[in-house]
Amino acid sequence: HVVDDDGQPVPTGTEGRLYFVDETGRGIVYH
């Protein structure tokens, strides 16, 4: 997902913040 400073998706070809979403729902787990 590429989003702007407000967390909203940006159009293709637009620079923004890069996020990866774990579609299993697990995400990151810390002990």
PDB file of all heavy atoms in Angstrom:
ATOM      1  N   HIS A   1       0.858  -1.185   0.000  1.00  0.00           N
ATOM      2  CA  HIS A   1       0.000   0.000   0.000  1.00  0.00           C
ATOM      3  C   HIS A   1       0.895   1.235   0.000  1.00  0.00           C
ATOM      4  O   HIS A   1       1.839   1.307   0.786  1.00  0.00           O
ATOM      5  CB  HIS A   1      -0.911   0.025   1.240  1.00  0.00           C
ATOM      6  CG  HIS A   1      -1.936  -1.065   1.253  1.00  0.00           C
ATOM      7  ND1 HIS A   1      -3.265  -0.836   0.960  1.00  0.00           N
ATOM      8  CD2 HIS A   1      -1.848  -2.385   1.510  1.00  0.00           C
ATOM      9  CE1 HIS A   1      -3.942  -1.977   1.040  1.00  0.00           C
ATOM     10  NE2 HIS A   1      -3.097  -2.931   1.380  1.00  0.00           N
ATOM     11  N   VAL A   2       0.599   2.186  -0.856  1.00  0.00           N
ATOM     12  CA  VAL A   2       1.313   3.465  -0.878  1.00  0.00           C
ATOM     13  C   VAL A   2       0.322   4.552  -0.498  1.00  0.00           C
ATOM     14  O   VAL A   2      -0.723   4.701  -1.143  1.00  0.00           O
ATOM     15  CB  VAL A   2       1.934   3.744  -2.259  1.00  0.00           C
ATOM     16  CG1 VAL A   2       2.786   5.003  -2.201  1.00  0.00           C
ATOM     17  CG2 VAL A   2       2.782   2.562  -2.719  1.00  0.00           C
ATOM     18  N   VAL A   3       0.643   5.320   0.548  1.00  0.00           N
ATOM     19  CA  VAL A   3      -0.312   6.305   1.082  1.00  0.00           C
ATOM     20  C   VAL A   3       0.379   7.656   1.258  1.00  0.00           C
ATOM     21  O   VAL A   3       1.613   7.751   1.272  1.00  0.00           O
ATOM     22  CB  VAL A   3      -0.908   5.840   2.427  1.00  0.00           C
ATOM     23  CG1 VAL A   3      -1.638   4.511   2.267  1.00  0.00           C
ATOM     24  CG2 VAL A   3       0.177   5.727   3.491  1.00  0.00           C
ATOM     25  N   ASP A   4      -0.433   8.704   1.420  1.00  0.00           N
ATOM     26  CA  ASP A   4       0.120  10.035   1.668  1.00  0.00           C
ATOM     27  C   ASP A   4       0.326  10.243   3.171  1.00  0.00           C
ATOM     28  O   ASP A   4       0.147   9.312   3.975  1.00  0.00           O
ATOM     29  CB  ASP A   4      -0.782  11.116   1.064  1.00  0.00           C
ATOM     30  CG  ASP A   4      -2.199  11.103   1.647  1.00  0.00           C
ATOM     31  OD1 ASP A   4      -2.396  10.581   2.773  1.00  0.00           O
ATOM     32  OD2 ASP A   4      -3.119  11.637   0.979  1.00  0.00           O
ATOM     33  N   ASP A   5       0.680  11.459   3.562  1.00  0.00           N
ATOM     34  CA  ASP A   5       0.970  11.735   4.973  1.00  0.00           C
ATOM     35  C   ASP A   5      -0.245  11.553   5.873  1.00  0.00           C
ATOM     36  O   ASP A   5      -0.111  11.392   7.092  1.00  0.00           O
ATOM     37  CB  ASP A   5       1.504  13.166   5.122  1.00  0.00           C
ATOM     38  CG  ASP A   5       2.912  13.307   4.551  1.00  0.00           C
ATOM     39  OD1 ASP A   5       3.553  12.269   4.319  1.00  0.00           O
ATOM     40  OD2 ASP A   5       3.357  14.454   4.334  1.00  0.00           O
ATOM     41  N   ASP A   6      -1.439  11.565   5.284  1.00  0.00           N
ATOM     42  CA  ASP A   6      -2.661  11.373   6.067  1.00  0.00           C
ATOM     43  C   ASP A   6      -3.139   9.926   6.056  1.00  0.00           C
ATOM     44  O   ASP A   6      -4.225   9.621   6.569  1.00  0.00           O
ATOM     45  CB  ASP A   6      -3.767  12.278   5.518  1.00  0.00           C
ATOM     46  CG  ASP A   6      -3.428  13.751   5.661  1.00  0.00           C
ATOM     47  OD1 ASP A   6      -2.836  14.114   6.699  1.00  0.00           O
ATOM     48  OD2 ASP A   6      -3.725  14.523   4.729  1.00  0.00           O
ATOM     49  N   GLY A   7      -2.349   9.055   5.421  1.00  0.00           N
ATOM     50  CA  GLY A   7      -2.713   7.646   5.379  1.00  0.00           C
ATOM     51  C   GLY A   7      -3.687   7.293   4.272  1.00  0.00           C
ATOM     52  O   GLY A   7      -4.222   6.178   4.261  1.00  0.00           O
ATOM     53  N   GLN A   8      -3.919   8.203   3.332  1.00  0.00           N
ATOM     54  CA  GLN A   8      -4.850   7.940   2.239  1.00  0.00           C
ATOM     55  C   GLN A   8      -4.101   7.388   1.025  1.00  0.00           C
ATOM     56  O   GLN A   8      -2.998   7.846   0.707  1.00  0.00           O
ATOM     57  CB  GLN A   8      -5.585   9.224   1.843  1.00  0.00           C
ATOM     58  CG  GLN A   8      -6.433   9.802   2.964  1.00  0.00           C
ATOM     59  CD  GLN A   8      -7.469   8.815   3.467  1.00  0.00           C
ATOM     60  OE1 GLN A   8      -8.217   8.226   2.683  1.00  0.00           O
ATOM     61  NE2 GLN A   8      -7.490   8.609   4.781  1.00  0.00           N
ATOM     62  N   PRO A   9      -4.683   6.400   0.310  1.00  0.00           N
ATOM     63  CA  PRO A   9      -4.018   5.830  -0.867  1.00  0.00           C
ATOM     64  C   PRO A   9      -3.720   6.901  -1.914  1.00  0.00           C
ATOM     65  O   PRO A   9      -4.506   7.843  -2.099  1.00  0.00           O
ATOM     66  CB  PRO A   9      -5.040   4.821  -1.392  1.00  0.00           C
ATOM     67  CG  PRO A   9      -5.919   4.507  -0.229  1.00  0.00           C
ATOM     68  CD  PRO A   9      -5.985   5.760   0.588  1.00  0.00           C
ATOM     69  N   VAL A  10      -2.582   6.766  -2.586  1.00  0.00           N
ATOM     70  CA  VAL A  10      -2.210   7.708  -3.646  1.00  0.00           C
ATOM     71  C   VAL A  10      -2.307   6.997  -4.994  1.00  0.00           C
ATOM     72  O   VAL A  10      -2.227   5.765  -5.074  1.00  0.00           O
ATOM     73  CB  VAL A  10      -0.784   8.261  -3.443  1.00  0.00           C
ATOM     74  CG1 VAL A  10      -0.691   9.014  -2.132  1.00  0.00           C
ATOM     75  CG2 VAL A  10       0.254   7.140  -3.495  1.00  0.00           C
ATOM     76  N   PRO A  11      -2.469   7.735  -6.092  1.00  0.00           N
ATOM     77  CA  PRO A  11      -2.572   7.108  -7.417  1.00  0.00           C
ATOM     78  C   PRO A  11      -1.262   6.448  -7.839  1.00  0.00           C
ATOM     79  O   PRO A  11      -0.187   6.787  -7.337  1.00  0.00           O
ATOM     80  CB  PRO A  11      -2.914   8.294  -8.336  1.00  0.00           C
ATOM     81  CG  PRO A  11      -3.363   9.392  -7.444  1.00  0.00           C
ATOM     82  CD  PRO A  11      -2.666   9.189  -6.147  1.00  0.00           C
ATOM     83  N   THR A  12      -1.364   5.521  -8.779  1.00  0.00           N
ATOM     84  CA  THR A  12      -0.184   4.880  -9.356  1.00  0.00           C
ATOM     85  C   THR A  12       0.771   5.939  -9.893  1.00  0.00           C
ATOM     86  O   THR A  12       0.345   6.926 -10.513  1.00  0.00           O
ATOM     87  CB  THR A  12      -0.603   3.937 -10.501  1.00  0.00           C
ATOM     88  OG1 THR A  12      -1.448   2.932  -9.962  1.00  0.00           O
ATOM     89  CG2 THR A  12       0.606   3.287 -11.153  1.00  0.00           C
ATOM     90  N   GLY A  13       2.065   5.738  -9.635  1.00  0.00           N
ATOM     91  CA  GLY A  13       3.074   6.674 -10.116  1.00  0.00           C
ATOM     92  C   GLY A  13       3.338   7.818  -9.170  1.00  0.00           C
ATOM     93  O   GLY A  13       4.172   8.686  -9.449  1.00  0.00           O
ATOM     94  N   THR A  14       2.659   7.841  -8.029  1.00  0.00           N
ATOM     95  CA  THR A  14       2.836   8.911  -7.047  1.00  0.00           C
ATOM     96  C   THR A  14       3.683   8.415  -5.881  1.00  0.00           C
ATOM     97  O   THR A  14       3.439   7.333  -5.346  1.00  0.00           O
ATOM     98  CB  THR A  14       1.471   9.386  -6.507  1.00  0.00           C
ATOM     99  OG1 THR A  14       0.638   9.745  -7.604  1.00  0.00           O
ATOM    100  CG2 THR A  14       1.639  10.563  -5.561  1.00  0.00           C
ATOM    101  N   GLU A  15       4.673   9.207  -5.488  1.00  0.00           N
ATOM    102  CA  GLU A  15       5.517   8.816  -4.361  1.00  0.00           C
ATOM    103  C   GLU A  15       4.757   8.992  -3.055  1.00  0.00           C
ATOM    104  O   GLU A  15       4.001   9.959  -2.886  1.00  0.00           O
ATOM    105  CB  GLU A  15       6.780   9.680  -4.347  1.00  0.00           C
ATOM    106  CG  GLU A  15       7.790   9.260  -3.305  1.00  0.00           C
ATOM    107  CD  GLU A  15       9.077  10.068  -3.407  1.00  0.00           C
ATOM    108  OE1 GLU A  15       9.826   9.889  -4.394  1.00  0.00           O
ATOM    109  OE2 GLU A  15       9.324  10.892  -2.501  1.00  0.00           O
ATOM    110  N   GLY A  16       4.962   8.063  -2.122  1.00  0.00           N
ATOM    111  CA  GLY A  16       4.291   8.165  -0.828  1.00  0.00           C
ATOM    112  C   GLY A  16       4.930   7.236   0.182  1.00  0.00           C
ATOM    113  O   GLY A  16       6.030   6.724  -0.032  1.00  0.00           O
ATOM    114  N   ARG A  17       4.243   7.034   1.271  1.00  0.00           N
ATOM    115  CA  ARG A  17       4.732   6.125   2.324  1.00  0.00           C
ATOM    116  C   ARG A  17       4.387   4.697   1.941  1.00  0.00           C
ATOM    117  O   ARG A  17       3.279   4.404   1.497  1.00  0.00           O
ATOM    118  CB  ARG A  17       4.098   6.483   3.665  1.00  0.00           C
ATOM    119  CG  ARG A  17       4.481   7.858   4.172  1.00  0.00           C
ATOM    120  CD  ARG A  17       3.718   8.179   5.459  1.00  0.00           C
ATOM    121  NE  ARG A  17       4.067   9.501   5.941  1.00  0.00           N
ATOM    122  CZ  ARG A  17       4.570   9.745   7.156  1.00  0.00           C
ATOM    123  NH1 ARG A  17       4.789   8.752   7.991  1.00  0.00           N
ATOM    124  NH2 ARG A  17       4.852  10.979   7.524  1.00  0.00           N
ATOM    125  N   LEU A  18       5.333   3.809   2.158  1.00  0.00           N
ATOM    126  CA  LEU A  18       5.193   2.413   1.742  1.00  0.00           C
ATOM    127  C   LEU A  18       4.832   1.534   2.934  1.00  0.00           C
ATOM    128  O   LEU A  18       5.512   1.564   3.965  1.00  0.00           O
ATOM    129  CB  LEU A  18       6.508   1.940   1.123  1.00  0.00           C
ATOM    130  CG  LEU A  18       6.552   0.552   0.510  1.00  0.00           C
ATOM    131  CD1 LEU A  18       5.619   0.465  -0.691  1.00  0.00           C
ATOM    132  CD2 LEU A  18       7.985   0.217   0.079  1.00  0.00           C
ATOM    133  N   TYR A  19       3.761   0.775   2.797  1.00  0.00           N
ATOM    134  CA  TYR A  19       3.331  -0.161   3.841  1.00  0.00           C
ATOM    135  C   TYR A  19       3.100  -1.540   3.229  1.00  0.00           C
ATOM    136  O   TYR A  19       2.684  -1.652   2.075  1.00  0.00           O
ATOM    137  CB  TYR A  19       2.018   0.301   4.478  1.00  0.00           C
ATOM    138  CG  TYR A  19       2.157   1.477   5.402  1.00  0.00           C
ATOM    139  CD1 TYR A  19       2.151   2.774   4.909  1.00  0.00           C
ATOM    140  CD2 TYR A  19       2.296   1.285   6.784  1.00  0.00           C
ATOM    141  CE1 TYR A  19       2.283   3.863   5.753  1.00  0.00           C
ATOM    142  CE2 TYR A  19       2.425   2.372   7.635  1.00  0.00           C
ATOM    143  CZ  TYR A  19       2.415   3.657   7.118  1.00  0.00           C
ATOM    144  OH  TYR A  19       2.556   4.717   7.964  1.00  0.00           O
ATOM    145  N   PHE A  20       3.376  -2.563   4.031  1.00  0.00           N
ATOM    146  CA  PHE A  20       3.009  -3.918   3.637  1.00  0.00           C
ATOM    147  C   PHE A  20       1.975  -4.441   4.628  1.00  0.00           C
ATOM    148  O   PHE A  20       2.137  -4.291   5.840  1.00  0.00           O
ATOM    149  CB  PHE A  20       4.231  -4.846   3.631  1.00  0.00           C
ATOM    150  CG  PHE A  20       5.189  -4.543   2.524  1.00  0.00           C
ATOM    151  CD1 PHE A  20       6.268  -3.694   2.731  1.00  0.00           C
ATOM    152  CD2 PHE A  20       5.011  -5.093   1.266  1.00  0.00           C
ATOM    153  CE1 PHE A  20       7.143  -3.398   1.703  1.00  0.00           C
ATOM    154  CE2 PHE A  20       5.888  -4.807   0.233  1.00  0.00           C
ATOM    155  CZ  PHE A  20       6.962  -3.955   0.452  1.00  0.00           C
ATOM    156  N   VAL A  21       0.910  -5.038   4.108  1.00  0.00           N
ATOM    157  CA  VAL A  21      -0.156  -5.579   4.950  1.00  0.00           C
ATOM    158  C   VAL A  21      -0.136  -7.102   4.864  1.00  0.00           C
ATOM    159  O   VAL A  21      -0.123  -7.672   3.766  1.00  0.00           O
ATOM    160  CB  VAL A  21      -1.532  -5.036   4.504  1.00  0.00           C
ATOM    161  CG1 VAL A  21      -2.646  -5.689   5.304  1.00  0.00           C
ATOM    162  CG2 VAL A  21      -1.576  -3.524   4.658  1.00  0.00           C
ATOM    163  N   ASP A  22      -0.089  -7.743   6.019  1.00  0.00           N
ATOM    164  CA  ASP A  22      -0.156  -9.204   6.093  1.00  0.00           C
ATOM    165  C   ASP A  22      -1.626  -9.607   5.978  1.00  0.00           C
ATOM    166  O   ASP A  22      -2.411  -9.396   6.905  1.00  0.00           O
ATOM    167  CB  ASP A  22       0.442  -9.670   7.417  1.00  0.00           C
ATOM    168  CG  ASP A  22       0.417 -11.178   7.578  1.00  0.00           C
ATOM    169  OD1 ASP A  22      -0.206 -11.878   6.752  1.00  0.00           O
ATOM    170  OD2 ASP A  22       1.028 -11.675   8.550  1.00  0.00           O
ATOM    171  N   GLU A  23      -1.993 -10.174   4.851  1.00  0.00           N
ATOM    172  CA  GLU A  23      -3.410 -10.463   4.598  1.00  0.00           C
ATOM    173  C   GLU A  23      -3.912 -11.688   5.356  1.00  0.00           C
ATOM    174  O   GLU A  23      -5.109 -11.987   5.315  1.00  0.00           O
ATOM    175  CB  GLU A  23      -3.638 -10.611   3.091  1.00  0.00           C
ATOM    176  CG  GLU A  23      -3.381  -9.292   2.350  1.00  0.00           C
ATOM    177  CD  GLU A  23      -3.771  -9.325   0.894  1.00  0.00           C
ATOM    178  OE1 GLU A  23      -3.540 -10.361   0.241  1.00  0.00           O
ATOM    179  OE2 GLU A  23      -4.315  -8.300   0.409  1.00  0.00           O
ATOM    180  N   THR A  24      -3.024 -12.390   6.083  1.00  0.00           N
ATOM    181  CA  THR A  24      -3.499 -13.469   6.962  1.00  0.00           C
ATOM    182  C   THR A  24      -4.045 -12.889   8.263  1.00  0.00           C
ATOM    183  O   THR A  24      -4.711 -13.592   9.025  1.00  0.00           O
ATOM    184  CB  THR A  24      -2.365 -14.448   7.307  1.00  0.00           C
ATOM    185  OG1 THR A  24      -1.392 -13.781   8.153  1.00  0.00           O
ATOM    186  CG2 THR A  24      -1.686 -14.984   6.069  1.00  0.00           C
ATOM    187  N   GLY A  25      -3.712 -11.618   8.538  1.00  0.00           N
ATOM    188  CA  GLY A  25      -4.149 -10.991   9.774  1.00  0.00           C
ATOM    189  C   GLY A  25      -3.183 -11.165  10.931  1.00  0.00           C
ATOM    190  O   GLY A  25      -3.389 -10.590  12.002  1.00  0.00           O
ATOM    191  N   ARG A  26      -2.115 -11.935  10.733  1.00  0.00           N
ATOM    192  CA  ARG A  26      -1.182 -12.160  11.835  1.00  0.00           C
ATOM    193  C   ARG A  26      -0.433 -10.883  12.203  1.00  0.00           C
ATOM    194  O   ARG A  26      -0.335 -10.509  13.374  1.00  0.00           O
ATOM    195  CB  ARG A  26      -0.172 -13.254  11.486  1.00  0.00           C
ATOM    196  CG  ARG A  26       0.887 -13.495  12.562  1.00  0.00           C
ATOM    197  CD  ARG A  26       1.915 -14.520  12.118  1.00  0.00           C
ATOM    198  NE  ARG A  26       2.892 -14.818  13.155  1.00  0.00           N
ATOM    199  CZ  ARG A  26       4.015 -14.135  13.329  1.00  0.00           C
ATOM    200  NH1 ARG A  26       4.303 -13.105  12.540  1.00  0.00           N
ATOM    201  NH2 ARG A  26       4.879 -14.474  14.286  1.00  0.00           N
ATOM    202  N   GLY A  27       0.122 -10.221  11.205  1.00  0.00           N
ATOM    203  CA  GLY A  27       0.891  -9.019  11.453  1.00  0.00           C
ATOM    204  C   GLY A  27       2.185  -9.302  12.201  1.00  0.00           C
ATOM    205  O   GLY A  27       2.793 -10.344  12.027  1.00  0.00           O
ATOM    206  N   ILE A  28       2.585  -8.363  13.054  1.00  0.00           N
ATOM    207  CA  ILE A  28       3.828  -8.494  13.821  1.00  0.00           C
ATOM    208  C   ILE A  28       3.504  -8.854  15.266  1.00  0.00           C
ATOM    209  O   ILE A  28       2.626  -8.243  15.881  1.00  0.00           O
ATOM    210  CB  ILE A  28       4.639  -7.189  13.761  1.00  0.00           C
ATOM    211  CG1 ILE A  28       5.139  -6.957  12.330  1.00  0.00           C
ATOM    212  CG2 ILE A  28       5.782  -7.201  14.741  1.00  0.00           C
ATOM    213  CD1 ILE A  28       5.825  -5.634  12.118  1.00  0.00           C
ATOM    214  N   VAL A  29       4.183  -9.850  15.783  1.00  0.00           N
ATOM    215  CA  VAL A  29       3.944 -10.321  17.154  1.00  0.00           C
ATOM    216  C   VAL A  29       5.258 -10.277  17.927  1.00  0.00           C
ATOM    217  O   VAL A  29       6.233 -10.913  17.526  1.00  0.00           O
ATOM    218  CB  VAL A  29       3.385 -11.764  17.158  1.00  0.00           C
ATOM    219  CG1 VAL A  29       3.139 -12.231  18.585  1.00  0.00           C
ATOM    220  CG2 VAL A  29       2.110 -11.861  16.319  1.00  0.00           C
ATOM    221  N   TYR A  30       5.279  -9.532  19.032  1.00  0.00           N
ATOM    222  CA  TYR A  30       6.470  -9.457  19.886  1.00  0.00           C
ATOM    223  C   TYR A  30       6.259 -10.255  21.187  1.00  0.00           C
ATOM    224  O   TYR A  30       5.198 -10.171  21.803  1.00  0.00           O
ATOM    225  CB  TYR A  30       6.801  -8.013  20.223  1.00  0.00           C
ATOM    226  CG  TYR A  30       7.365  -7.237  19.052  1.00  0.00           C
ATOM    227  CD1 TYR A  30       6.689  -6.136  18.538  1.00  0.00           C
ATOM    228  CD2 TYR A  30       8.571  -7.598  18.455  1.00  0.00           C
ATOM    229  CE1 TYR A  30       7.197  -5.418  17.459  1.00  0.00           C
ATOM    230  CE2 TYR A  30       9.086  -6.902  17.383  1.00  0.00           C
ATOM    231  CZ  TYR A  30       8.395  -5.810  16.882  1.00  0.00           C
ATOM    232  OH  TYR A  30       8.900  -5.113  15.816  1.00  0.00           O
ATOM    233  N   HIS A  31       7.286 -10.994  21.581  1.00  0.00           N
ATOM    234  CA  HIS A  31       7.238 -11.787  22.792  1.00  0.00           C
ATOM    235  C   HIS A  31       7.230 -10.880  24.022  1.00  0.00           C
ATOM    236  O   HIS A  31       8.083  -9.982  24.150  1.00  0.00           O
ATOM    237  CB  HIS A  31       8.475 -12.706  22.802  1.00  0.00           C
ATOM    238  CG  HIS A  31       8.685 -13.451  24.084  1.00  0.00           C
ATOM    239  ND1 HIS A  31       7.833 -14.465  24.479  1.00  0.00           N
ATOM    240  CD2 HIS A  31       9.625 -13.341  25.052  1.00  0.00           C
ATOM    241  CE1 HIS A  31       8.261 -14.955  25.622  1.00  0.00           C
ATOM    242  NE2 HIS A  31       9.342 -14.276  25.994  1.00  0.00           N
TER     243      HIS A  31
END
